[in-house]
Amino acid sequence: MIAIAALTLGALSGGAAYENARPRTGVWREIAWPFPRDGWPAGRAFRCGAASCGDEIEVYVRPKIGFCNCDSGVADDDEVDRVADLDLMSPRFVPLKAGDVVRVADMPGRLRSYDLKMPTGVQHAAVGIAVSRRCDLLVAVAQGTGEAPRVQQVALEFLASADMTRWMTAAMDGR
């Protein structure tokens, strides 16, 4: 009887641990960096399918070492528009509203939401994020089939994950 109770309790505890261990933002899969080479090293790209994230969402992240104003960091929305790599996906993006202050991996910066017309003509929502540390910039852009607030929420949750925070910190340190 005691053995059965112990097994039952162990199974229930294991099930609860499994449920709590699953990422809240769904299952992210790393994909190849899809953009042509430019003046910056390729970054990392990730995809979360609609079954896991509610919408098909992709996130692209990379450091741009030595590319930031050392005194003011990411100062305004115009800077986010210029540096966030949206133009790599499509030159046709339109801001939805003024951006917001954000912190990613303990780096301050700004984020801004956009309507993005893909080369295929399909309309997507996008979020551009630019954060800085000292004279270095980290940019992320998320795009997806859902509404901009949902794309932003899922992208920020993913970027706040321990693995991504660790990688972004190491990348900004040149490791």
Protein backbone atom coordinates (compact mmCIF):
# COMPACT_ATOMS: atom_id res chain seq x y z
CA MET A 1 0.00 0.00 0.00
CA ILE A 2 2.86 2.37 0.89
CA ALA A 3 4.67 1.49 -2.34
CA ILE A 4 1.55 2.24 -4.42
CA ALA A 5 1.09 5.56 -2.64
CA ALA A 6 4.75 6.46 -3.24
CA LEU A 7 4.49 5.56 -6.94
CA THR A 8 1.28 7.54 -7.32
CA LEU A 9 2.74 10.57 -5.58
CA GLY A 10 5.91 10.32 -7.69
CA ALA A 11 3.89 10.10 -10.91
CA LEU A 12 1.77 13.10 -9.97
CA SER A 13 4.84 15.13 -8.99
CA GLY A 14 6.59 14.20 -12.23
CA GLY A 15 3.54 15.21 -14.25
CA ALA A 16 3.34 18.57 -12.48
CA ALA A 17 7.06 19.17 -13.01
CA TYR A 18 6.70 18.34 -16.72
CA GLU A 19 3.81 20.78 -17.10
CA ASN A 20 5.73 23.57 -15.36
CA ALA A 21 8.93 22.87 -17.36
CA ARG A 22 7.30 23.46 -20.74
CA PRO A 23 8.09 26.89 -22.15
CA ARG A 24 5.13 29.23 -21.93
CA THR A 25 5.85 30.67 -25.37
CA GLY A 26 5.66 27.31 -27.11
CA VAL A 27 8.26 25.23 -28.83
CA TRP A 28 10.91 27.25 -30.63
CA ARG A 29 13.06 25.69 -33.33
CA GLU A 30 16.29 27.29 -34.50
CA ILE A 31 16.37 27.83 -38.26
CA ALA A 32 19.10 28.99 -40.63
CA TRP A 33 19.77 32.73 -40.82
CA PRO A 34 17.70 33.56 -43.93
CA PHE A 35 19.21 36.90 -44.90
CA PRO A 36 22.10 37.68 -47.26
CA ARG A 37 25.44 38.75 -45.82
CA ASP A 38 25.80 42.40 -44.99
CA GLY A 39 28.21 44.44 -42.88
CA TRP A 40 27.29 42.53 -39.71
CA PRO A 41 27.73 38.89 -38.74
CA ALA A 42 24.73 36.63 -39.18
CA GLY A 43 22.63 36.20 -36.08
CA ARG A 44 20.32 33.49 -34.87
CA ALA A 45 16.84 32.81 -36.19
CA PHE A 46 13.99 30.91 -34.55
CA ARG A 47 10.49 29.78 -35.52
CA CYS A 48 7.49 28.89 -33.41
CA GLY A 49 4.60 27.23 -35.21
CA ALA A 50 0.95 28.19 -34.92
CA ALA A 51 0.15 25.01 -33.00
CA SER A 52 2.55 26.06 -30.21
CA CYS A 53 2.45 29.87 -30.27
CA GLY A 54 -1.05 30.54 -31.55
CA ASP A 55 0.38 32.12 -34.72
CA GLU A 56 3.40 31.41 -36.91
CA ILE A 57 6.15 33.64 -35.47
CA GLU A 58 9.82 34.04 -36.35
CA VAL A 59 12.44 35.90 -34.31
CA TYR A 60 15.84 37.05 -35.64
CA VAL A 61 18.51 38.29 -33.19
CA ARG A 62 22.05 39.58 -33.68
CA PRO A 63 24.60 41.87 -32.10
CA LYS A 64 26.01 44.86 -33.93
CA ILE A 65 29.20 45.49 -32.01
CA GLY A 66 30.41 49.11 -32.08
CA PHE A 67 27.26 50.38 -33.79
CA CYS A 68 25.58 52.39 -31.06
CA ASN A 69 25.80 55.89 -29.72
CA CYS A 70 27.97 55.37 -26.63
CA ASP A 71 26.31 58.22 -24.73
CA SER A 72 22.59 57.92 -25.47
CA GLY A 73 22.14 54.27 -26.52
CA VAL A 74 18.99 53.74 -28.57
CA ALA A 75 17.58 57.23 -28.44
CA ASP A 76 14.39 57.22 -30.51
CA ASP A 77 12.00 55.40 -32.83
CA ASP A 78 13.86 56.56 -35.95
CA GLU A 79 16.88 54.64 -34.73
CA VAL A 80 14.79 51.48 -34.23
CA ASP A 81 13.47 51.90 -37.79
CA ARG A 82 17.04 52.16 -39.13
CA VAL A 83 18.78 49.36 -37.22
CA ALA A 84 16.24 46.64 -36.43
CA ASP A 85 16.76 44.66 -39.67
CA LEU A 86 13.15 44.97 -40.84
CA ASP A 87 14.43 45.98 -44.27
CA LEU A 88 16.04 42.54 -44.62
CA MET A 89 12.56 41.00 -44.67
CA SER A 90 10.88 43.65 -46.78
CA PRO A 91 11.47 47.29 -47.63
CA ARG A 92 7.73 47.87 -47.15
CA PHE A 93 7.12 48.34 -43.42
CA VAL A 94 5.02 51.00 -41.72
CA PRO A 95 5.11 51.83 -38.00
CA LEU A 96 1.78 51.33 -36.24
CA LYS A 97 2.44 53.87 -33.47
CA ALA A 98 5.20 55.42 -31.40
CA GLY A 99 7.56 52.90 -29.82
CA ASP A 100 8.05 52.00 -26.19
CA VAL A 101 10.98 51.72 -23.82
CA VAL A 102 12.06 48.12 -23.21
CA ARG A 103 14.74 46.09 -21.40
CA VAL A 104 16.03 42.86 -22.91
CA ALA A 105 18.72 40.80 -21.18
CA ASP A 106 19.17 43.76 -18.81
CA MET A 107 19.93 46.12 -21.72
CA PRO A 108 17.82 49.28 -22.22
CA GLY A 109 16.38 50.27 -25.55
CA ARG A 110 13.20 50.64 -27.55
CA LEU A 111 10.71 48.51 -29.43
CA ARG A 112 8.23 49.43 -32.13
CA SER A 113 5.41 47.59 -33.90
CA TYR A 114 4.94 47.59 -37.67
CA ASP A 115 2.78 46.40 -40.51
CA LEU A 116 5.10 44.47 -42.80
CA LYS A 117 4.20 43.67 -46.38
CA MET A 118 6.16 40.56 -47.32
CA PRO A 119 7.64 40.17 -50.83
CA THR A 120 4.88 37.64 -51.56
CA GLY A 121 2.29 40.37 -50.89
CA VAL A 122 1.11 38.82 -47.61
CA GLN A 123 0.68 41.23 -44.70
CA HIS A 124 2.44 40.35 -41.42
CA ALA A 125 2.85 42.06 -38.08
CA ALA A 126 6.41 42.84 -36.99
CA VAL A 127 8.17 44.14 -33.92
CA GLY A 128 11.60 45.77 -34.08
CA ILE A 129 13.70 45.82 -30.94
CA ALA A 130 17.00 47.65 -30.43
CA VAL A 131 18.81 47.59 -27.09
CA SER A 132 22.31 48.67 -26.17
CA ARG A 133 25.16 48.14 -23.79
CA ARG A 134 28.03 50.62 -23.84
CA CYS A 135 28.76 51.26 -27.55
CA ASP A 136 27.22 47.99 -28.76
CA LEU A 137 23.78 47.26 -30.14
CA LEU A 138 21.65 44.12 -30.05
CA VAL A 139 18.77 44.00 -32.49
CA ALA A 140 15.86 41.63 -32.72
CA VAL A 141 12.95 41.56 -35.08
CA ALA A 142 9.92 39.33 -34.80
CA GLN A 143 7.39 38.82 -37.54
CA GLY A 144 4.31 36.71 -37.71
CA THR A 145 0.85 36.05 -39.01
CA GLY A 146 -0.93 37.32 -35.89
CA GLU A 147 -1.66 40.77 -34.52
CA ALA A 148 1.28 42.97 -33.48
CA PRO A 149 0.54 42.86 -29.71
CA ARG A 150 0.58 39.05 -29.76
CA VAL A 151 3.80 38.90 -31.84
CA GLN A 152 5.39 41.35 -29.40
CA GLN A 153 4.30 39.40 -26.31
CA VAL A 154 5.52 36.05 -27.62
CA ALA A 155 8.83 37.51 -28.87
CA LEU A 156 9.57 39.27 -25.57
CA GLU A 157 8.79 36.11 -23.58
CA PHE A 158 11.13 34.13 -25.82
CA LEU A 159 13.92 36.72 -25.56
CA ALA A 160 13.52 36.71 -21.76
CA SER A 161 14.12 32.96 -21.55
CA ALA A 162 17.25 31.90 -19.67
CA ASP A 163 18.89 30.36 -22.76
CA MET A 164 18.36 33.44 -24.92
CA THR A 165 19.43 35.83 -22.17
CA ARG A 166 22.61 33.81 -21.69
CA TRP A 167 23.33 33.77 -25.44
CA MET A 168 22.61 37.51 -25.91
CA THR A 169 24.90 38.40 -23.00
CA ALA A 170 27.69 36.20 -24.39
CA ALA A 171 27.22 37.59 -27.91
CA MET A 172 27.50 41.16 -26.62
CA ASP A 173 30.73 40.14 -24.86
CA GLY A 174 32.08 38.82 -28.17
CA ARG A 175 31.96 35.17 -27.10
